[in-house]
Amino acid sequence: FLGCYGAIQESQCLLGTFFTCLVILFAC
């Protein structure tokens, strides 16, 4: 949901947060 909202709003901050969360989840 965070990634979708960031893409709709074209927010680099939200997309960067989305990427960081994915990296953490991938490590888990």
PDB file of all heavy atoms in Angstrom:
ATOM      1  N   PHE A   1       0.835  -1.202   0.000  1.00  0.00           N
ATOM      2  CA  PHE A   1       0.000   0.000   0.000  1.00  0.00           C
ATOM      3  C   PHE A   1       0.867   1.249   0.000  1.00  0.00           C
ATOM      4  O   PHE A   1       0.584   2.227  -0.711  1.00  0.00           O
ATOM      5  CB  PHE A   1      -0.920  -0.004   1.222  1.00  0.00           C
ATOM      6  CG  PHE A   1      -1.691   1.268   1.411  1.00  0.00           C
ATOM      7  CD1 PHE A   1      -2.821   1.535   0.646  1.00  0.00           C
ATOM      8  CD2 PHE A   1      -1.279   2.214   2.341  1.00  0.00           C
ATOM      9  CE1 PHE A   1      -3.530   2.708   0.810  1.00  0.00           C
ATOM     10  CE2 PHE A   1      -1.985   3.386   2.519  1.00  0.00           C
ATOM     11  CZ  PHE A   1      -3.117   3.641   1.747  1.00  0.00           C
ATOM     12  N   LEU A   2       1.946   1.222   0.779  1.00  0.00           N
ATOM     13  CA  LEU A   2       2.869   2.350   0.831  1.00  0.00           C
ATOM     14  C   LEU A   2       3.486   2.613  -0.543  1.00  0.00           C
ATOM     15  O   LEU A   2       3.591   3.767  -0.983  1.00  0.00           O
ATOM     16  CB  LEU A   2       3.967   2.065   1.861  1.00  0.00           C
ATOM     17  CG  LEU A   2       4.983   3.173   2.140  1.00  0.00           C
ATOM     18  CD1 LEU A   2       4.320   4.320   2.882  1.00  0.00           C
ATOM     19  CD2 LEU A   2       6.153   2.633   2.965  1.00  0.00           C
ATOM     20  N   GLY A   3       3.882   1.532  -1.233  1.00  0.00           N
ATOM     21  CA  GLY A   3       4.478   1.695  -2.556  1.00  0.00           C
ATOM     22  C   GLY A   3       3.483   2.226  -3.575  1.00  0.00           C
ATOM     23  O   GLY A   3       3.824   3.083  -4.402  1.00  0.00           O
ATOM     24  N   CYS A   4       2.253   1.723  -3.525  1.00  0.00           N
ATOM     25  CA  CYS A   4       1.223   2.200  -4.454  1.00  0.00           C
ATOM     26  C   CYS A   4       0.930   3.679  -4.230  1.00  0.00           C
ATOM     27  O   CYS A   4       0.824   4.466  -5.189  1.00  0.00           O
ATOM     28  CB  CYS A   4      -0.065   1.386  -4.292  1.00  0.00           C
ATOM     29  SG  CYS A   4       0.053  -0.304  -4.900  1.00  0.00           S
ATOM     30  N   TYR A   5       0.801   4.066  -2.979  1.00  0.00           N
ATOM     31  CA  TYR A   5       0.510   5.464  -2.663  1.00  0.00           C
ATOM     32  C   TYR A   5       1.674   6.357  -3.080  1.00  0.00           C
ATOM     33  O   TYR A   5       1.469   7.452  -3.627  1.00  0.00           O
ATOM     34  CB  TYR A   5       0.244   5.617  -1.165  1.00  0.00           C
ATOM     35  CG  TYR A   5      -0.187   7.007  -0.768  1.00  0.00           C
ATOM     36  CD1 TYR A   5      -1.483   7.457  -1.040  1.00  0.00           C
ATOM     37  CD2 TYR A   5       0.704   7.875  -0.139  1.00  0.00           C
ATOM     38  CE1 TYR A   5      -1.881   8.726  -0.683  1.00  0.00           C
ATOM     39  CE2 TYR A   5       0.317   9.156   0.221  1.00  0.00           C
ATOM     40  CZ  TYR A   5      -0.975   9.580  -0.055  1.00  0.00           C
ATOM     41  OH  TYR A   5      -1.362  10.856   0.291  1.00  0.00           O
ATOM     42  N   GLY A   6       2.903   5.874  -2.840  1.00  0.00           N
ATOM     43  CA  GLY A   6       4.065   6.653  -3.252  1.00  0.00           C
ATOM     44  C   GLY A   6       4.155   6.813  -4.758  1.00  0.00           C
ATOM     45  O   GLY A   6       4.547   7.868  -5.257  1.00  0.00           O
ATOM     46  N   ALA A   7       3.774   5.759  -5.491  1.00  0.00           N
ATOM     47  CA  ALA A   7       3.807   5.851  -6.955  1.00  0.00           C
ATOM     48  C   ALA A   7       2.742   6.822  -7.460  1.00  0.00           C
ATOM     49  O   ALA A   7       2.983   7.607  -8.390  1.00  0.00           O
ATOM     50  CB  ALA A   7       3.594   4.471  -7.551  1.00  0.00           C
ATOM     51  N   ILE A   8       1.543   6.779  -6.870  1.00  0.00           N
ATOM     52  CA  ILE A   8       0.465   7.681  -7.293  1.00  0.00           C
ATOM     53  C   ILE A   8       0.839   9.131  -7.003  1.00  0.00           C
ATOM     54  O   ILE A   8       0.627  10.029  -7.833  1.00  0.00           O
ATOM     55  CB  ILE A   8      -0.849   7.305  -6.570  1.00  0.00           C
ATOM     56  CG1 ILE A   8      -1.331   5.935  -7.044  1.00  0.00           C
ATOM     57  CG2 ILE A   8      -1.928   8.362  -6.820  1.00  0.00           C
ATOM     58  CD1 ILE A   8      -2.513   5.401  -6.267  1.00  0.00           C
ATOM     59  N   GLN A   9       1.422   9.372  -5.824  1.00  0.00           N
ATOM     60  CA  GLN A   9       1.805  10.731  -5.441  1.00  0.00           C
ATOM     61  C   GLN A   9       3.154  11.143  -6.029  1.00  0.00           C
ATOM     62  O   GLN A   9       3.570  12.289  -5.866  1.00  0.00           O
ATOM     63  CB  GLN A   9       1.877  10.827  -3.911  1.00  0.00           C
ATOM     64  CG  GLN A   9       0.547  10.602  -3.210  1.00  0.00           C
ATOM     65  CD  GLN A   9      -0.476  11.645  -3.552  1.00  0.00           C
ATOM     66  OE1 GLN A   9      -0.169  12.829  -3.691  1.00  0.00           O
ATOM     67  NE2 GLN A   9      -1.733  11.202  -3.717  1.00  0.00           N
ATOM     68  N   GLU A  10       3.833  10.208  -6.682  1.00  0.00           N
ATOM     69  CA  GLU A  10       5.162  10.443  -7.240  1.00  0.00           C
ATOM     70  C   GLU A  10       6.113  10.980  -6.170  1.00  0.00           C
ATOM     71  O   GLU A  10       6.826  11.965  -6.363  1.00  0.00           O
ATOM     72  CB  GLU A  10       5.090  11.404  -8.432  1.00  0.00           C
ATOM     73  CG  GLU A  10       4.281  10.853  -9.594  1.00  0.00           C
ATOM     74  CD  GLU A  10       4.322  11.749 -10.821  1.00  0.00           C
ATOM     75  OE1 GLU A  10       4.936  12.839 -10.724  1.00  0.00           O
ATOM     76  OE2 GLU A  10       3.778  11.361 -11.856  1.00  0.00           O
ATOM     77  N   SER A  11       6.097  10.300  -5.016  1.00  0.00           N
ATOM     78  CA  SER A  11       6.914  10.716  -3.881  1.00  0.00           C
ATOM     79  C   SER A  11       8.175   9.862  -3.809  1.00  0.00           C
ATOM     80  O   SER A  11       8.099   8.645  -3.617  1.00  0.00           O
ATOM     81  CB  SER A  11       6.110  10.570  -2.581  1.00  0.00           C
ATOM     82  OG  SER A  11       6.937  10.756  -1.464  1.00  0.00           O
ATOM     83  N   GLN A  12       9.318  10.506  -3.953  1.00  0.00           N
ATOM     84  CA  GLN A  12      10.578   9.780  -3.850  1.00  0.00           C
ATOM     85  C   GLN A  12      10.802   9.271  -2.423  1.00  0.00           C
ATOM     86  O   GLN A  12      11.388   8.209  -2.223  1.00  0.00           O
ATOM     87  CB  GLN A  12      11.741  10.684  -4.260  1.00  0.00           C
ATOM     88  CG  GLN A  12      11.721  11.096  -5.735  1.00  0.00           C
ATOM     89  CD  GLN A  12      12.965  11.874  -6.127  1.00  0.00           C
ATOM     90  OE1 GLN A  12      14.075  11.461  -5.800  1.00  0.00           O
ATOM     91  NE2 GLN A  12      12.777  12.999  -6.813  1.00  0.00           N
ATOM     92  N   CYS A  13      10.321  10.041  -1.442  1.00  0.00           N
ATOM     93  CA  CYS A  13      10.497   9.626  -0.040  1.00  0.00           C
ATOM     94  C   CYS A  13       9.754   8.327   0.237  1.00  0.00           C
ATOM     95  O   CYS A  13      10.313   7.391   0.816  1.00  0.00           O
ATOM     96  CB  CYS A  13      10.006  10.739   0.881  1.00  0.00           C
ATOM     97  SG  CYS A  13      10.136  10.345   2.647  1.00  0.00           S
ATOM     98  N   LEU A  14       8.498   8.255  -0.199  1.00  0.00           N
ATOM     99  CA  LEU A  14       7.710   7.044   0.030  1.00  0.00           C
ATOM    100  C   LEU A  14       8.280   5.861  -0.746  1.00  0.00           C
ATOM    101  O   LEU A  14       8.323   4.736  -0.236  1.00  0.00           O
ATOM    102  CB  LEU A  14       6.254   7.281  -0.353  1.00  0.00           C
ATOM    103  CG  LEU A  14       5.430   8.145   0.613  1.00  0.00           C
ATOM    104  CD1 LEU A  14       4.038   8.381   0.053  1.00  0.00           C
ATOM    105  CD2 LEU A  14       5.350   7.490   1.982  1.00  0.00           C
ATOM    106  N   LEU A  15       8.715   6.104  -1.965  1.00  0.00           N
ATOM    107  CA  LEU A  15       9.290   5.024  -2.756  1.00  0.00           C
ATOM    108  C   LEU A  15      10.613   4.545  -2.169  1.00  0.00           C
ATOM    109  O   LEU A  15      10.924   3.355  -2.193  1.00  0.00           O
ATOM    110  CB  LEU A  15       9.484   5.485  -4.212  1.00  0.00           C
ATOM    111  CG  LEU A  15       8.199   5.634  -5.032  1.00  0.00           C
ATOM    112  CD1 LEU A  15       8.500   6.251  -6.383  1.00  0.00           C
ATOM    113  CD2 LEU A  15       7.505   4.289  -5.207  1.00  0.00           C
ATOM    114  N   GLY A  16      11.395   5.501  -1.623  1.00  0.00           N
ATOM    115  CA  GLY A  16      12.636   5.111  -0.958  1.00  0.00           C
ATOM    116  C   GLY A  16      12.374   4.291   0.293  1.00  0.00           C
ATOM    117  O   GLY A  16      13.066   3.306   0.575  1.00  0.00           O
ATOM    118  N   THR A  17      11.344   4.698   1.050  1.00  0.00           N
ATOM    119  CA  THR A  17      10.945   3.919   2.229  1.00  0.00           C
ATOM    120  C   THR A  17      10.457   2.537   1.821  1.00  0.00           C
ATOM    121  O   THR A  17      10.747   1.535   2.484  1.00  0.00           O
ATOM    122  CB  THR A  17       9.842   4.658   2.998  1.00  0.00           C
ATOM    123  OG1 THR A  17      10.294   5.979   3.321  1.00  0.00           O
ATOM    124  CG2 THR A  17       9.480   3.918   4.271  1.00  0.00           C
ATOM    125  N   PHE A  18       9.693   2.480   0.745  1.00  0.00           N
ATOM    126  CA  PHE A  18       9.204   1.220   0.205  1.00  0.00           C
ATOM    127  C   PHE A  18      10.368   0.294  -0.137  1.00  0.00           C
ATOM    128  O   PHE A  18      10.370  -0.896   0.220  1.00  0.00           O
ATOM    129  CB  PHE A  18       8.356   1.513  -1.033  1.00  0.00           C
ATOM    130  CG  PHE A  18       7.880   0.297  -1.765  1.00  0.00           C
ATOM    131  CD1 PHE A  18       6.945  -0.552  -1.215  1.00  0.00           C
ATOM    132  CD2 PHE A  18       8.361   0.005  -3.037  1.00  0.00           C
ATOM    133  CE1 PHE A  18       6.493  -1.668  -1.900  1.00  0.00           C
ATOM    134  CE2 PHE A  18       7.923  -1.103  -3.729  1.00  0.00           C
ATOM    135  CZ  PHE A  18       6.990  -1.942  -3.156  1.00  0.00           C
ATOM    136  N   PHE A  19      11.378   0.834  -0.798  1.00  0.00           N
ATOM    137  CA  PHE A  19      12.555   0.046  -1.174  1.00  0.00           C
ATOM    138  C   PHE A  19      13.296  -0.450   0.067  1.00  0.00           C
ATOM    139  O   PHE A  19      13.710  -1.619   0.128  1.00  0.00           O
ATOM    140  CB  PHE A  19      13.489   0.889  -2.048  1.00  0.00           C
ATOM    141  CG  PHE A  19      14.755   0.186  -2.445  1.00  0.00           C
ATOM    142  CD1 PHE A  19      14.768  -0.695  -3.517  1.00  0.00           C
ATOM    143  CD2 PHE A  19      15.932   0.401  -1.738  1.00  0.00           C
ATOM    144  CE1 PHE A  19      15.934  -1.352  -3.880  1.00  0.00           C
ATOM    145  CE2 PHE A  19      17.101  -0.252  -2.096  1.00  0.00           C
ATOM    146  CZ  PHE A  19      17.100  -1.128  -3.170  1.00  0.00           C
ATOM    147  N   THR A  20      13.459   0.423   1.073  1.00  0.00           N
ATOM    148  CA  THR A  20      14.158   0.032   2.295  1.00  0.00           C
ATOM    149  C   THR A  20      13.428  -1.096   3.019  1.00  0.00           C
ATOM    150  O   THR A  20      14.049  -2.064   3.488  1.00  0.00           O
ATOM    151  CB  THR A  20      14.294   1.247   3.233  1.00  0.00           C
ATOM    152  OG1 THR A  20      14.977   2.305   2.548  1.00  0.00           O
ATOM    153  CG2 THR A  20      15.064   0.875   4.491  1.00  0.00           C
ATOM    154  N   CYS A  21      12.108  -0.976   3.102  1.00  0.00           N
ATOM    155  CA  CYS A  21      11.318  -2.031   3.748  1.00  0.00           C
ATOM    156  C   CYS A  21      11.454  -3.350   3.002  1.00  0.00           C
ATOM    157  O   CYS A  21      11.530  -4.419   3.615  1.00  0.00           O
ATOM    158  CB  CYS A  21       9.852  -1.619   3.816  1.00  0.00           C
ATOM    159  SG  CYS A  21       9.511  -0.258   4.953  1.00  0.00           S
ATOM    160  N   LEU A  22      11.494  -3.281   1.676  1.00  0.00           N
ATOM    161  CA  LEU A  22      11.642  -4.506   0.889  1.00  0.00           C
ATOM    162  C   LEU A  22      12.995  -5.169   1.129  1.00  0.00           C
ATOM    163  O   LEU A  22      13.088  -6.397   1.200  1.00  0.00           O
ATOM    164  CB  LEU A  22      11.477  -4.193  -0.604  1.00  0.00           C
ATOM    165  CG  LEU A  22      10.069  -3.908  -1.094  1.00  0.00           C
ATOM    166  CD1 LEU A  22      10.082  -3.600  -2.584  1.00  0.00           C
ATOM    167  CD2 LEU A  22       9.144  -5.088  -0.820  1.00  0.00           C
ATOM    168  N   VAL A  23      14.034  -4.348   1.257  1.00  0.00           N
ATOM    169  CA  VAL A  23      15.359  -4.910   1.531  1.00  0.00           C
ATOM    170  C   VAL A  23      15.365  -5.633   2.877  1.00  0.00           C
ATOM    171  O   VAL A  23      15.906  -6.735   3.013  1.00  0.00           O
ATOM    172  CB  VAL A  23      16.428  -3.797   1.509  1.00  0.00           C
ATOM    173  CG1 VAL A  23      17.777  -4.331   1.997  1.00  0.00           C
ATOM    174  CG2 VAL A  23      16.575  -3.224   0.105  1.00  0.00           C
ATOM    175  N   ILE A  24      14.737  -5.018   3.892  1.00  0.00           N
ATOM    176  CA  ILE A  24      14.674  -5.639   5.214  1.00  0.00           C
ATOM    177  C   ILE A  24      13.887  -6.948   5.161  1.00  0.00           C
ATOM    178  O   ILE A  24      14.297  -7.973   5.719  1.00  0.00           O
ATOM    179  CB  ILE A  24      14.049  -4.667   6.236  1.00  0.00           C
ATOM    180  CG1 ILE A  24      14.949  -3.441   6.411  1.00  0.00           C
ATOM    181  CG2 ILE A  24      13.826  -5.354   7.578  1.00  0.00           C
ATOM    182  CD1 ILE A  24      14.343  -2.354   7.266  1.00  0.00           C
ATOM    183  N   LEU A  25      12.730  -6.915   4.472  1.00  0.00           N
ATOM    184  CA  LEU A  25      11.920  -8.121   4.348  1.00  0.00           C
ATOM    185  C   LEU A  25      12.666  -9.215   3.586  1.00  0.00           C
ATOM    186  O   LEU A  25      12.566 -10.398   3.923  1.00  0.00           O
ATOM    187  CB  LEU A  25      10.600  -7.801   3.644  1.00  0.00           C
ATOM    188  CG  LEU A  25       9.569  -7.006   4.447  1.00  0.00           C
ATOM    189  CD1 LEU A  25       8.371  -6.666   3.568  1.00  0.00           C
ATOM    190  CD2 LEU A  25       9.117  -7.803   5.657  1.00  0.00           C
ATOM    191  N   PHE A  26      13.398  -8.831   2.557  1.00  0.00           N
ATOM    192  CA  PHE A  26      14.162  -9.801   1.776  1.00  0.00           C
ATOM    193  C   PHE A  26      15.229 -10.460   2.646  1.00  0.00           C
ATOM    194  O   PHE A  26      15.448 -11.677   2.572  1.00  0.00           O
ATOM    195  CB  PHE A  26      14.802  -9.120   0.572  1.00  0.00           C
ATOM    196  CG  PHE A  26      15.514 -10.066  -0.351  1.00  0.00           C
ATOM    197  CD1 PHE A  26      14.797 -10.858  -1.242  1.00  0.00           C
ATOM    198  CD2 PHE A  26      16.887 -10.168  -0.333  1.00  0.00           C
ATOM    199  CE1 PHE A  26      15.447 -11.731  -2.097  1.00  0.00           C
ATOM    200  CE2 PHE A  26      17.544 -11.042  -1.183  1.00  0.00           C
ATOM    201  CZ  PHE A  26      16.823 -11.823  -2.066  1.00  0.00           C
ATOM    202  N   ALA A  27      15.886  -9.659   3.494  1.00  0.00           N
ATOM    203  CA  ALA A  27      16.888 -10.213   4.406  1.00  0.00           C
ATOM    204  C   ALA A  27      16.241 -11.196   5.381  1.00  0.00           C
ATOM    205  O   ALA A  27      16.810 -12.253   5.680  1.00  0.00           O
ATOM    206  CB  ALA A  27      17.585  -9.083   5.164  1.00  0.00           C
ATOM    207  N   CYS A  28      15.033 -10.858   5.872  1.00  0.00           N
ATOM    208  CA  CYS A  28      14.318 -11.773   6.768  1.00  0.00           C
ATOM    209  C   CYS A  28      13.962 -13.068   6.054  1.00  0.00           C
ATOM    210  O   CYS A  28      14.046 -14.157   6.644  1.00  0.00           O
ATOM    211  CB  CYS A  28      13.050 -11.100   7.285  1.00  0.00           C
ATOM    212  SG  CYS A  28      13.332  -9.713   8.413  1.00  0.00           S
TER     213      CYS A  28
END
